Amino acid sequence: MQAAQTTKRAVVATLLACIACASAAADFPSRPVRFVVPYTPGAINDFIGRLVGQKLSEMWHQQVIVDNRAGGGTTIGTDIVAKSPPDGYTMLLTATAFAINPALYPKLPFDTVRDFAPVTQIGGSAMLLAVNSQLPVKNVKDLVALAKSKPGQLAYGSTGSGGSAHLMGEMLKSMAGVDVAHVPYKGLAPALTDVMSGQLSYTFGTQLALEGPIKTGRVRAIASTGKARMRTTPDLPTIAEAGFPDYDMTAWWGVAVPAKTPRAIVTKLHDDVVRVLAMPDVRERMSAQGIEVAGTTPQQFEAFLRDEIVRWGKAVKQSGAKPD
């Protein structure tokens, strides 16, 4: 008898919790939401965060505050979200570094898998390999040949040791068997400046960051880093096409919230972000930057993240990258 009453009470408690959770989701959000972007303002990550945040704000009739918290290879902003209340009012813009950092940093202040609830993958994009416009190369084969003829004399810049651009460069070096120096910077802008001035030979960057210098002829894009050509640059071959068929390094972005956020809230966030990603103007603006919109389920995004952690972990190990 006592066991039956205990079971009944447990069932009632569970039902009440579910009702309370559903009610909270129906009222969500009832106050401003913070969207942490662990990058500096101005680049592609900030562009995505502000575009999605603006549309959610209009949809919810609540302010979505984009909070740029750069530093520590994105670990500072990511840690803020990991330790925030799990109520849906603090979101994180995740990107490729989210999957790179578990292998790059010996000890993170959070667990990338256990401390977050994936919401959805926003999308992904290949990056561009851009060289100094005066460099006597027109394609990847030319670049590799030049590097082999001048071992140790060419240098490429990245957004920092262990970042996606660094690993893209190291993967190309490894596959091509060339000796090229790596110079890490605090962001793409200073690296790009040195490529344009000729102090560096090349770099890797997003279309958003490179389109201006490409149009003015200060740098020349010679390849993209994905498996297939980008829709926005259909005439630009991939590195894979240049004789390195296994080369496939694509950047991506998504949304996550603290672990233990109620499932109903995660579902609400997922549904609304996916609605934003389906808006024609949003798709158009992202497509113009070479971003392929995804809008996956939380389960699909979680599986994707686990695969990416393994994939980029191998790249970190192969490159020997260390945090700045």
Protein backbone atom coordinates (compact mmCIF):
# COMPACT_ATOMS: atom_id res chain seq x y z
CA MET A 1 0.00 0.00 0.00
CA GLN A 2 2.74 2.42 1.00
CA ALA A 3 4.74 1.59 -2.13
CA ALA A 4 1.69 2.29 -4.30
CA GLN A 5 1.16 5.66 -2.63
CA THR A 6 4.83 6.53 -3.09
CA THR A 7 4.60 5.66 -6.80
CA LYS A 8 1.41 7.69 -7.14
CA ARG A 9 3.03 10.71 -5.52
CA ALA A 10 6.02 10.38 -7.85
CA VAL A 11 3.76 10.27 -10.90
CA VAL A 12 1.80 13.31 -9.71
CA ALA A 13 5.03 15.20 -9.03
CA THR A 14 6.30 14.37 -12.51
CA LEU A 15 3.06 15.51 -14.11
CA LEU A 16 3.10 18.77 -12.16
CA ALA A 17 6.70 19.36 -13.19
CA CYS A 18 5.79 18.75 -16.84
CA ILE A 19 2.83 21.13 -16.59
CA ALA A 20 5.02 23.80 -14.99
CA CYS A 21 7.68 23.32 -17.67
CA ALA A 22 5.10 23.56 -20.48
CA SER A 23 3.65 26.69 -18.89
CA ALA A 24 7.10 28.27 -18.64
CA ALA A 25 7.74 27.50 -22.31
CA ALA A 26 4.39 29.01 -23.32
CA ASP A 27 5.32 32.26 -21.56
CA PHE A 28 8.91 32.26 -22.80
CA PRO A 29 10.50 34.74 -23.14
CA SER A 30 8.95 37.15 -20.67
CA ARG A 31 12.09 39.29 -20.32
CA PRO A 32 15.20 40.14 -22.39
CA VAL A 33 17.38 37.27 -23.57
CA ARG A 34 21.19 37.40 -23.69
CA PHE A 35 22.86 35.93 -26.78
CA VAL A 36 26.56 35.45 -26.01
CA VAL A 37 28.80 35.66 -29.07
CA PRO A 38 32.33 34.67 -27.94
CA TYR A 39 33.97 36.74 -30.67
CA THR A 40 34.79 40.38 -31.32
CA PRO A 41 32.23 42.55 -33.17
CA GLY A 42 32.34 42.92 -36.93
CA ALA A 43 33.23 39.52 -38.38
CA ILE A 44 31.07 36.64 -39.63
CA ASN A 45 30.31 35.27 -36.15
CA ASP A 46 29.00 38.64 -35.01
CA PHE A 47 27.05 39.04 -38.28
CA ILE A 48 25.25 35.73 -37.69
CA GLY A 49 24.57 36.42 -34.01
CA ARG A 50 23.11 39.85 -34.68
CA LEU A 51 21.01 38.71 -37.63
CA VAL A 52 19.44 35.81 -35.71
CA GLY A 53 19.15 37.90 -32.54
CA GLN A 54 17.37 40.74 -34.33
CA LYS A 55 14.81 38.39 -35.89
CA LEU A 56 14.15 36.61 -32.60
CA SER A 57 13.68 39.97 -30.89
CA GLU A 58 11.07 40.94 -33.48
CA MET A 59 9.35 37.57 -33.16
CA TRP A 60 9.29 37.54 -29.36
CA HIS A 61 8.67 41.25 -28.79
CA GLN A 62 11.51 41.00 -26.29
CA GLN A 63 14.99 42.41 -26.58
CA VAL A 64 17.72 39.92 -27.55
CA ILE A 65 20.99 41.41 -26.34
CA VAL A 66 24.04 40.30 -28.32
CA ASP A 67 26.88 40.12 -25.80
CA ASN A 68 30.31 39.92 -27.45
CA ARG A 69 32.61 38.09 -25.02
CA ALA A 70 35.79 37.38 -26.94
CA GLY A 71 38.96 35.94 -25.47
CA GLY A 72 40.64 32.67 -24.62
CA GLY A 73 39.88 31.19 -28.01
CA THR A 74 36.13 31.60 -27.27
CA THR A 75 36.45 29.88 -23.88
CA ILE A 76 35.59 33.02 -21.87
CA GLY A 77 32.19 33.58 -23.45
CA THR A 78 31.47 29.87 -23.60
CA ASP A 79 32.19 29.47 -19.89
CA ILE A 80 29.81 32.33 -19.07
CA VAL A 81 26.98 30.43 -20.73
CA ALA A 82 27.97 27.10 -19.17
CA LYS A 83 27.61 28.65 -15.72
CA SER A 84 24.42 30.63 -16.43
CA PRO A 85 21.01 29.59 -15.07
CA PRO A 86 19.49 26.86 -17.28
CA ASP A 87 16.33 28.81 -18.07
CA GLY A 88 16.73 29.69 -21.76
CA TYR A 89 17.54 33.33 -21.08
CA THR A 90 21.24 32.90 -21.95
CA MET A 91 22.11 31.46 -25.36
CA LEU A 92 25.49 30.76 -26.93
CA LEU A 93 26.53 31.16 -30.54
CA THR A 94 28.67 28.09 -31.07
CA ALA A 95 31.14 27.82 -33.92
CA THR A 96 33.94 25.55 -35.11
CA ALA A 97 36.12 26.49 -32.12
CA PHE A 98 33.52 24.85 -29.88
CA ALA A 99 34.58 21.48 -31.36
CA ILE A 100 38.28 22.33 -31.62
CA ASN A 101 38.87 23.47 -28.03
CA PRO A 102 38.43 20.11 -26.23
CA ALA A 103 41.56 18.86 -28.01
CA LEU A 104 43.41 22.19 -28.02
CA TYR A 105 43.18 23.11 -24.33
CA PRO A 106 44.55 20.70 -21.71
CA LYS A 107 41.87 21.76 -19.23
CA LEU A 108 38.71 23.68 -20.07
CA PRO A 109 36.59 25.30 -17.33
CA PHE A 110 33.56 23.47 -18.73
CA ASP A 111 32.68 20.18 -20.43
CA THR A 112 31.78 20.80 -24.06
CA VAL A 113 29.36 17.86 -24.16
CA ARG A 114 27.91 17.63 -20.65
CA ASP A 115 27.53 21.35 -19.85
CA PHE A 116 25.47 22.35 -22.89
CA ALA A 117 22.15 21.49 -24.51
CA PRO A 118 22.39 21.77 -28.32
CA VAL A 119 19.52 23.73 -29.91
CA THR A 120 20.22 23.75 -33.64
CA GLN A 121 22.95 24.09 -36.21
CA ILE A 122 22.52 27.42 -37.99
CA GLY A 123 24.62 26.53 -41.01
CA GLY A 124 28.07 26.05 -42.41
CA SER A 125 30.45 27.51 -44.93
CA ALA A 126 33.75 26.77 -46.56
CA MET A 127 36.46 29.41 -46.22
CA LEU A 128 38.61 31.00 -48.89
CA LEU A 129 42.35 30.59 -49.37
CA ALA A 130 43.59 34.06 -50.37
CA VAL A 131 47.11 35.03 -51.41
CA ASN A 132 48.93 38.33 -51.75
CA SER A 133 48.00 39.70 -55.18
CA GLN A 134 51.68 40.04 -56.15
CA LEU A 135 52.49 36.44 -55.35
CA PRO A 136 53.21 34.60 -58.65
CA VAL A 137 50.53 31.94 -58.12
CA LYS A 138 47.11 31.49 -59.70
CA ASN A 139 46.02 28.26 -58.03
CA VAL A 140 46.86 25.82 -55.24
CA LYS A 141 49.23 23.80 -57.41
CA ASP A 142 51.22 26.97 -58.10
CA LEU A 143 51.31 27.79 -54.38
CA VAL A 144 52.52 24.32 -53.46
CA ALA A 145 55.19 24.43 -56.18
CA LEU A 146 56.39 27.84 -54.95
CA ALA A 147 56.51 26.63 -51.34
CA LYS A 148 58.54 23.58 -52.38
CA SER A 149 60.98 25.76 -54.30
CA LYS A 150 61.44 28.04 -51.28
CA PRO A 151 61.27 25.83 -48.17
CA GLY A 152 60.70 27.83 -45.00
CA GLN A 153 60.48 31.15 -46.86
CA LEU A 154 56.70 31.47 -47.25
CA ALA A 155 54.41 32.26 -44.32
CA TYR A 156 50.67 32.23 -43.76
CA GLY A 157 48.62 34.03 -41.12
CA SER A 158 45.73 32.79 -39.02
CA THR A 159 43.29 34.08 -36.44
CA GLY A 160 45.26 32.35 -33.69
CA SER A 161 47.00 29.11 -32.80
CA GLY A 162 44.54 26.24 -32.84
CA GLY A 163 41.82 28.19 -34.65
CA SER A 164 40.12 26.83 -37.75
CA ALA A 165 42.29 28.93 -40.10
CA HIS A 166 45.45 27.60 -38.45
CA LEU A 167 44.29 24.00 -38.75
CA MET A 168 43.26 24.57 -42.37
CA GLY A 169 46.78 25.81 -43.10
CA GLU A 170 48.46 22.96 -41.25
CA MET A 171 46.31 20.37 -43.00
CA LEU A 172 47.33 21.76 -46.39
CA LYS A 173 50.99 21.79 -45.35
CA SER A 174 50.77 18.18 -44.21
CA MET A 175 49.00 16.93 -47.32
CA ALA A 176 51.25 18.88 -49.70
CA GLY A 177 54.45 18.11 -47.80
CA VAL A 178 55.67 21.71 -47.72
CA ASP A 179 57.58 23.78 -45.18
CA VAL A 180 55.64 27.02 -44.58
CA ALA A 181 55.78 29.16 -41.44
CA HIS A 182 52.62 29.87 -39.44
CA VAL A 183 52.08 33.32 -37.91
CA PRO A 184 49.17 33.58 -35.42
CA TYR A 185 47.26 36.86 -34.98
CA LYS A 186 44.53 38.14 -32.69
CA GLY A 187 41.87 37.94 -35.37
CA LEU A 188 41.76 37.93 -39.16
CA ALA A 189 42.05 41.69 -39.74
CA PRO A 190 45.74 42.06 -38.77
CA ALA A 191 46.63 38.83 -40.61
CA LEU A 192 44.85 40.08 -43.71
CA THR A 193 46.65 43.43 -43.46
CA ASP A 194 50.00 41.66 -43.54
CA VAL A 195 48.94 39.50 -46.50
CA MET A 196 47.96 42.63 -48.42
CA SER A 197 51.28 44.30 -47.60
CA GLY A 198 53.25 41.25 -48.67
CA GLN A 199 54.66 40.38 -45.24
CA LEU A 200 52.66 37.15 -45.45
CA SER A 201 51.98 34.97 -48.48
CA TYR A 202 48.42 33.86 -47.72
CA THR A 203 45.65 33.33 -45.20
CA PHE A 204 42.27 31.66 -44.81
CA GLY A 205 39.12 33.69 -44.20
CA THR A 206 35.39 33.94 -44.67
CA GLN A 207 33.85 35.47 -47.74
CA LEU A 208 32.51 38.34 -45.62
CA ALA A 209 36.02 39.24 -44.46
CA LEU A 210 37.73 38.81 -47.80
CA GLU A 211 35.25 40.15 -50.35
CA GLY A 212 36.43 43.78 -50.01
CA PRO A 213 40.17 43.11 -50.47
CA ILE A 214 39.37 40.67 -53.29
CA LYS A 215 37.26 43.24 -55.15
CA THR A 216 39.97 45.89 -54.84
CA GLY A 217 42.64 43.46 -56.02
CA ARG A 218 44.71 43.55 -52.84
CA VAL A 219 44.40 39.79 -52.39
CA ARG A 220 43.45 36.98 -54.74
CA ALA A 221 41.28 34.00 -53.80
CA ILE A 222 42.69 30.82 -55.32
CA ALA A 223 40.57 28.11 -53.68
CA SER A 224 37.85 27.25 -51.17
CA THR A 225 38.26 24.78 -48.32
CA GLY A 226 35.13 22.62 -48.57
CA LYS A 227 34.50 19.38 -50.38
CA ALA A 228 32.33 21.07 -53.01
CA ARG A 229 32.57 24.49 -54.63
CA MET A 230 30.74 27.35 -52.95
CA ARG A 231 27.54 28.54 -54.61
CA THR A 232 28.70 32.13 -54.34
CA THR A 233 32.02 31.39 -56.08
CA PRO A 234 31.20 28.59 -58.55
CA ASP A 235 34.26 29.30 -60.68
CA LEU A 236 36.63 28.98 -57.72
CA PRO A 237 38.00 25.43 -57.37
CA THR A 238 38.38 23.65 -54.06
CA ILE A 239 41.66 22.58 -52.52
CA ALA A 240 40.38 19.01 -52.95
CA GLU A 241 40.26 19.55 -56.71
CA ALA A 242 43.92 20.62 -56.70
CA GLY A 243 45.09 17.09 -55.97
CA PHE A 244 44.17 16.75 -52.29
CA PRO A 245 40.85 14.85 -52.44
CA ASP A 246 40.64 14.29 -48.67
CA TYR A 247 40.86 18.01 -47.88
CA ASP A 248 37.53 19.17 -46.42
CA MET A 249 37.62 21.89 -43.78
CA THR A 250 34.30 23.66 -43.32
CA ALA A 251 33.35 26.20 -40.67
CA TRP A 252 29.93 26.09 -39.01
CA TRP A 253 27.71 27.88 -36.47
CA GLY A 254 24.95 26.86 -34.09
CA VAL A 255 23.03 27.68 -30.94
CA ALA A 256 23.37 26.03 -27.53
CA VAL A 257 22.10 26.73 -24.02
CA PRO A 258 23.21 25.55 -20.56
CA ALA A 259 22.65 21.89 -19.77
CA LYS A 260 19.51 21.13 -17.74
CA THR A 261 17.55 23.81 -19.57
CA PRO A 262 13.98 22.40 -19.60
CA ARG A 263 13.29 20.36 -22.72
CA ALA A 264 10.20 22.45 -23.48
CA ILE A 265 12.33 25.61 -23.50
CA VAL A 266 14.94 23.98 -25.76
CA THR A 267 12.16 22.93 -28.13
CA LYS A 268 10.71 26.45 -28.12
CA LEU A 269 14.14 27.95 -28.89
CA HIS A 270 14.75 25.40 -31.62
CA ASP A 271 11.40 25.99 -33.30
CA ASP A 272 11.81 29.76 -33.25
CA VAL A 273 15.41 29.81 -34.48
CA VAL A 274 14.44 27.45 -37.31
CA ARG A 275 11.57 29.79 -38.19
CA VAL A 276 14.10 32.62 -38.39
CA LEU A 277 16.40 30.56 -40.62
CA ALA A 278 13.47 29.87 -42.96
CA MET A 279 12.81 33.58 -43.54
CA PRO A 280 13.65 34.49 -47.17
CA ASP A 281 15.62 37.61 -46.24
CA VAL A 282 17.66 35.71 -43.65
CA ARG A 283 18.45 32.92 -46.11
CA GLU A 284 19.36 35.49 -48.74
CA ARG A 285 21.71 37.40 -46.46
CA MET A 286 23.40 34.21 -45.25
CA SER A 287 23.64 32.78 -48.74
CA ALA A 288 25.35 35.97 -49.92
CA GLN A 289 28.13 35.17 -47.43
CA GLY A 290 28.44 31.58 -48.64
CA ILE A 291 26.57 30.11 -45.66
CA GLU A 292 24.50 26.99 -46.28
CA VAL A 293 21.57 27.20 -43.84
CA ALA A 294 20.95 24.03 -41.78
CA GLY A 295 18.26 24.31 -39.06
CA THR A 296 18.75 20.82 -37.63
CA THR A 297 16.99 19.23 -34.66
CA PRO A 298 18.68 19.28 -31.22
CA GLN A 299 19.37 15.56 -31.60
CA GLN A 300 20.94 16.01 -35.03
CA PHE A 301 23.04 18.91 -33.81
CA GLU A 302 24.25 16.89 -30.82
CA ALA A 303 25.33 14.01 -33.08
CA PHE A 304 27.02 16.51 -35.42
CA LEU A 305 28.91 18.09 -32.51
CA ARG A 306 30.21 14.74 -31.29
CA ASP A 307 31.46 13.91 -34.78
CA GLU A 308 33.08 17.36 -35.15
CA ILE A 309 34.88 17.04 -31.81
CA VAL A 310 36.46 13.82 -33.07
CA ARG A 311 37.26 15.22 -36.53
CA TRP A 312 38.84 18.47 -35.36
CA GLY A 313 40.56 16.66 -32.50
CA LYS A 314 42.48 14.63 -35.08
CA ALA A 315 43.40 17.86 -36.92
CA VAL A 316 44.70 19.43 -33.70
CA LYS A 317 46.81 16.37 -32.93
CA GLN A 318 48.17 16.18 -36.47
CA SER A 319 49.06 19.89 -36.53
CA GLY A 320 50.62 19.95 -33.09
CA ALA A 321 48.71 23.18 -32.40
CA LYS A 322 48.95 24.71 -28.93
CA PRO A 323 46.83 27.54 -27.45
CA ASP A 324 48.27 31.05 -27.66
